[in-house]
Amino acid sequence: MKRYPLVFGLRDLIQGNGFLAGVDMEGRALMHEEDDGYVWIEGISPGGFAGTGTNPAEALESFRREYKAALYDMAEEARDFEAFQAQVRSFFENTGEIPAREWDAAVRDVREGRVAASWLNRRSADTPCHARVVSIDQPSADNNRLEDGPALAA
C-alpha cells in the first residue's frame, strides 16, 4: 500500500437558512493506494470523511463530493450564519491524533524519497491550513477564485 500526503484548497458557496456563505478551506488529506487497486482519500484537516474510487481521479471526485455533502448538512442544520460558521470551524478542527501521525509519516516518506507522484503538483507540507467562512451579503464576481487542486505535501 502506498500513502500520499496531500494539501488542498477548496472553495464553495453554500446556501443555508436565510444566508449565503463562502467557505474557503485549505486542508490536508491522506491518499492510500490499496493493493486491490482501490484508492482512498481520508480527510485529516478537516477529518471525519473520506472518498474512494478505482483510481486517484475517481477518489478525488468522491472526496470532494463527501466534503461538500458535509457542508450541505451543516447548512441545513444551522439556524443562521453564525451557527453555520461555528459548525464549519468545529468540523475543520476535527483532526484525529492517529490520522495526523500517519500524515506526518507519509510526509517524511516523500521528503526522504521513498514516495513520489509525478502526476501531482508539489507544495510544502508546512502550508498553513485554515477554514474561513464569510457571509456573502453582496454577491460579486470579485469573490470568484479557482480552487487549489490537490498537491503532494513535501
Protein backbone atom coordinates (compact mmCIF):
# COMPACT_ATOMS: atom_id res chain seq x y z
CA MET A 1 0.00 0.00 0.00
CA LYS A 2 1.30 3.45 -0.93
CA ARG A 3 0.43 6.58 1.02
CA TYR A 4 0.47 10.12 -0.36
CA PRO A 5 0.12 13.14 1.93
CA LEU A 6 -1.96 15.81 0.20
CA VAL A 7 -2.58 19.50 0.74
CA PHE A 8 -5.62 21.04 -0.94
CA GLY A 9 -7.71 24.17 -1.24
CA LEU A 10 -11.50 24.07 -1.67
CA ARG A 11 -13.89 26.99 -2.15
CA ASP A 12 -17.67 26.82 -2.08
CA LEU A 13 -20.75 28.98 -1.96
CA ILE A 14 -23.23 27.39 0.41
CA GLN A 15 -26.88 28.37 0.83
CA GLY A 16 -28.36 27.97 4.26
CA ASN A 17 -31.46 29.01 6.17
CA GLY A 18 -31.57 32.71 5.28
CA PHE A 19 -27.88 33.07 4.42
CA LEU A 20 -25.32 32.64 1.66
CA ALA A 21 -21.82 31.75 2.84
CA GLY A 22 -18.44 31.48 1.21
CA VAL A 23 -16.31 28.65 2.59
CA ASP A 24 -12.58 28.71 1.88
CA MET A 25 -10.76 25.66 3.19
CA GLU A 26 -7.05 24.88 2.99
CA GLY A 27 -6.56 21.41 4.38
CA ARG A 28 -4.74 18.11 4.47
CA ALA A 29 -5.68 14.63 3.35
CA LEU A 30 -4.02 11.23 3.05
CA MET A 31 -4.41 9.18 -0.11
CA HIS A 32 -3.96 5.39 0.13
CA GLU A 33 -3.44 3.22 -2.96
CA GLU A 34 -4.58 -0.20 -1.83
CA ASP A 35 -3.12 -3.44 -3.18
CA ASP A 36 -6.54 -4.37 -4.63
CA GLY A 37 -6.48 -1.28 -6.88
CA TYR A 38 -8.81 0.92 -4.86
CA VAL A 39 -7.79 4.41 -3.83
CA TRP A 40 -8.97 6.03 -0.60
CA ILE A 41 -8.59 9.67 0.37
CA GLU A 42 -9.11 10.40 4.05
CA GLY A 43 -9.60 13.92 5.37
CA ILE A 44 -7.03 14.88 8.01
CA SER A 45 -7.76 18.61 8.50
CA PRO A 46 -10.75 18.56 8.37
CA GLY A 47 -11.24 14.95 9.34
CA GLY A 48 -14.13 12.59 9.63
CA PHE A 49 -14.86 11.97 5.94
CA ALA A 50 -13.30 10.10 3.01
CA GLY A 51 -13.66 9.37 -0.68
CA THR A 52 -12.87 6.26 -2.71
CA GLY A 53 -12.52 5.17 -6.30
CA THR A 54 -10.76 2.82 -8.68
CA ASN A 55 -8.15 5.49 -9.47
CA PRO A 56 -6.94 8.77 -7.96
CA ALA A 57 -9.26 10.92 -10.12
CA GLU A 58 -12.36 8.98 -9.00
CA ALA A 59 -11.22 9.07 -5.38
CA LEU A 60 -10.66 12.84 -5.56
CA GLU A 61 -14.12 13.35 -7.05
CA SER A 62 -15.66 11.20 -4.30
CA PHE A 63 -13.64 13.06 -1.63
CA ARG A 64 -14.84 16.41 -2.96
CA ARG A 65 -18.46 15.20 -3.06
CA GLU A 66 -18.32 13.91 0.55
CA TYR A 67 -16.78 17.19 1.73
CA LYS A 68 -19.50 19.22 0.02
CA ALA A 69 -22.20 16.92 1.42
CA ALA A 70 -20.85 17.62 4.92
CA LEU A 71 -21.12 21.38 4.28
CA TYR A 72 -24.68 20.98 2.95
CA ASP A 73 -25.67 19.00 6.07
CA MET A 74 -24.23 21.72 8.31
CA ALA A 75 -26.09 24.43 6.35
CA GLU A 76 -29.36 22.54 6.68
CA GLU A 77 -28.92 22.12 10.44
CA ALA A 78 -27.74 25.68 11.15
CA ARG A 79 -30.41 28.14 12.22
CA ASP A 80 -28.36 31.11 10.92
CA PHE A 81 -24.98 32.14 9.50
CA GLU A 82 -23.25 32.30 12.88
CA ALA A 83 -24.30 28.75 13.74
CA PHE A 84 -23.10 27.53 10.33
CA GLN A 85 -19.78 29.33 10.77
CA ALA A 86 -19.30 27.69 14.18
CA GLN A 87 -20.13 24.23 12.77
CA VAL A 88 -17.63 24.61 9.91
CA ARG A 89 -14.89 25.71 12.31
CA SER A 90 -15.63 22.74 14.58
CA PHE A 91 -15.60 20.41 11.53
CA PHE A 92 -12.23 21.82 10.46
CA GLU A 93 -10.73 21.30 13.91
CA ASN A 94 -11.83 17.64 13.92
CA THR A 95 -8.39 16.09 13.42
CA GLY A 96 -7.70 12.73 14.96
CA GLU A 97 -4.31 12.07 16.53
CA ILE A 98 -3.70 8.79 14.69
CA PRO A 99 -4.57 10.11 11.17
CA ALA A 100 -2.40 13.18 11.82
CA ARG A 101 0.56 10.96 12.78
CA GLU A 102 0.02 8.87 9.62
CA TRP A 103 0.03 12.06 7.53
CA ASP A 104 3.30 13.20 9.18
CA ALA A 105 4.88 9.79 8.47
CA ALA A 106 3.77 9.98 4.83
CA VAL A 107 5.34 13.46 4.54
CA ARG A 108 8.63 12.01 5.85
CA ASP A 109 8.42 9.27 3.21
CA VAL A 110 8.07 11.91 0.47
CA ARG A 111 10.88 14.06 1.84
CA GLU A 112 13.19 11.04 2.11
CA GLY A 113 12.43 9.96 -1.48
CA ARG A 114 10.52 6.76 -0.67
CA VAL A 115 7.32 8.07 -2.29
CA ALA A 116 6.98 10.09 -5.47
CA ALA A 117 3.99 11.12 -7.55
CA SER A 118 4.99 12.94 -10.72
CA TRP A 119 1.30 13.31 -11.63
CA LEU A 120 0.75 15.64 -8.64
CA ASN A 121 1.99 19.17 -8.16
CA ARG A 122 4.14 19.65 -5.06
CA ARG A 123 3.51 22.08 -2.22
CA SER A 124 5.14 22.48 1.13
CA ALA A 125 3.73 20.26 3.85
CA ASP A 126 4.07 23.34 6.05
CA THR A 127 1.39 25.16 4.03
CA PRO A 128 -0.89 26.72 6.66
CA CYS A 129 -4.32 25.13 6.97
CA HIS A 130 -7.38 27.24 7.65
CA ALA A 131 -11.14 27.42 7.40
CA ARG A 132 -12.67 30.77 6.52
CA VAL A 133 -16.41 31.24 6.44
CA VAL A 134 -17.75 34.59 5.30
CA SER A 135 -21.25 35.88 4.85
CA ILE A 136 -21.98 36.84 1.26
CA ASP A 137 -24.22 39.88 1.58
CA GLN A 138 -23.40 41.38 -1.79
CA PRO A 139 -22.51 38.70 -4.34
CA SER A 140 -19.75 39.86 -6.67
CA ALA A 141 -17.58 38.32 -9.36
CA ASP A 142 -14.61 39.50 -7.27
CA ASN A 143 -15.38 36.61 -4.90
CA ASN A 144 -14.64 34.02 -7.60
CA ARG A 145 -11.36 32.15 -7.31
CA LEU A 146 -10.19 28.83 -8.63
CA GLU A 147 -9.61 26.02 -6.20
CA ASP A 148 -6.11 24.81 -5.46
CA GLY A 149 -6.13 21.22 -6.67
CA PRO A 150 -4.54 18.51 -4.58
CA ALA A 151 -0.78 18.59 -4.34
CA LEU A 152 1.74 16.20 -2.87
CA ALA A 153 2.86 17.54 0.50
CA ALA A 154 6.64 17.67 0.55
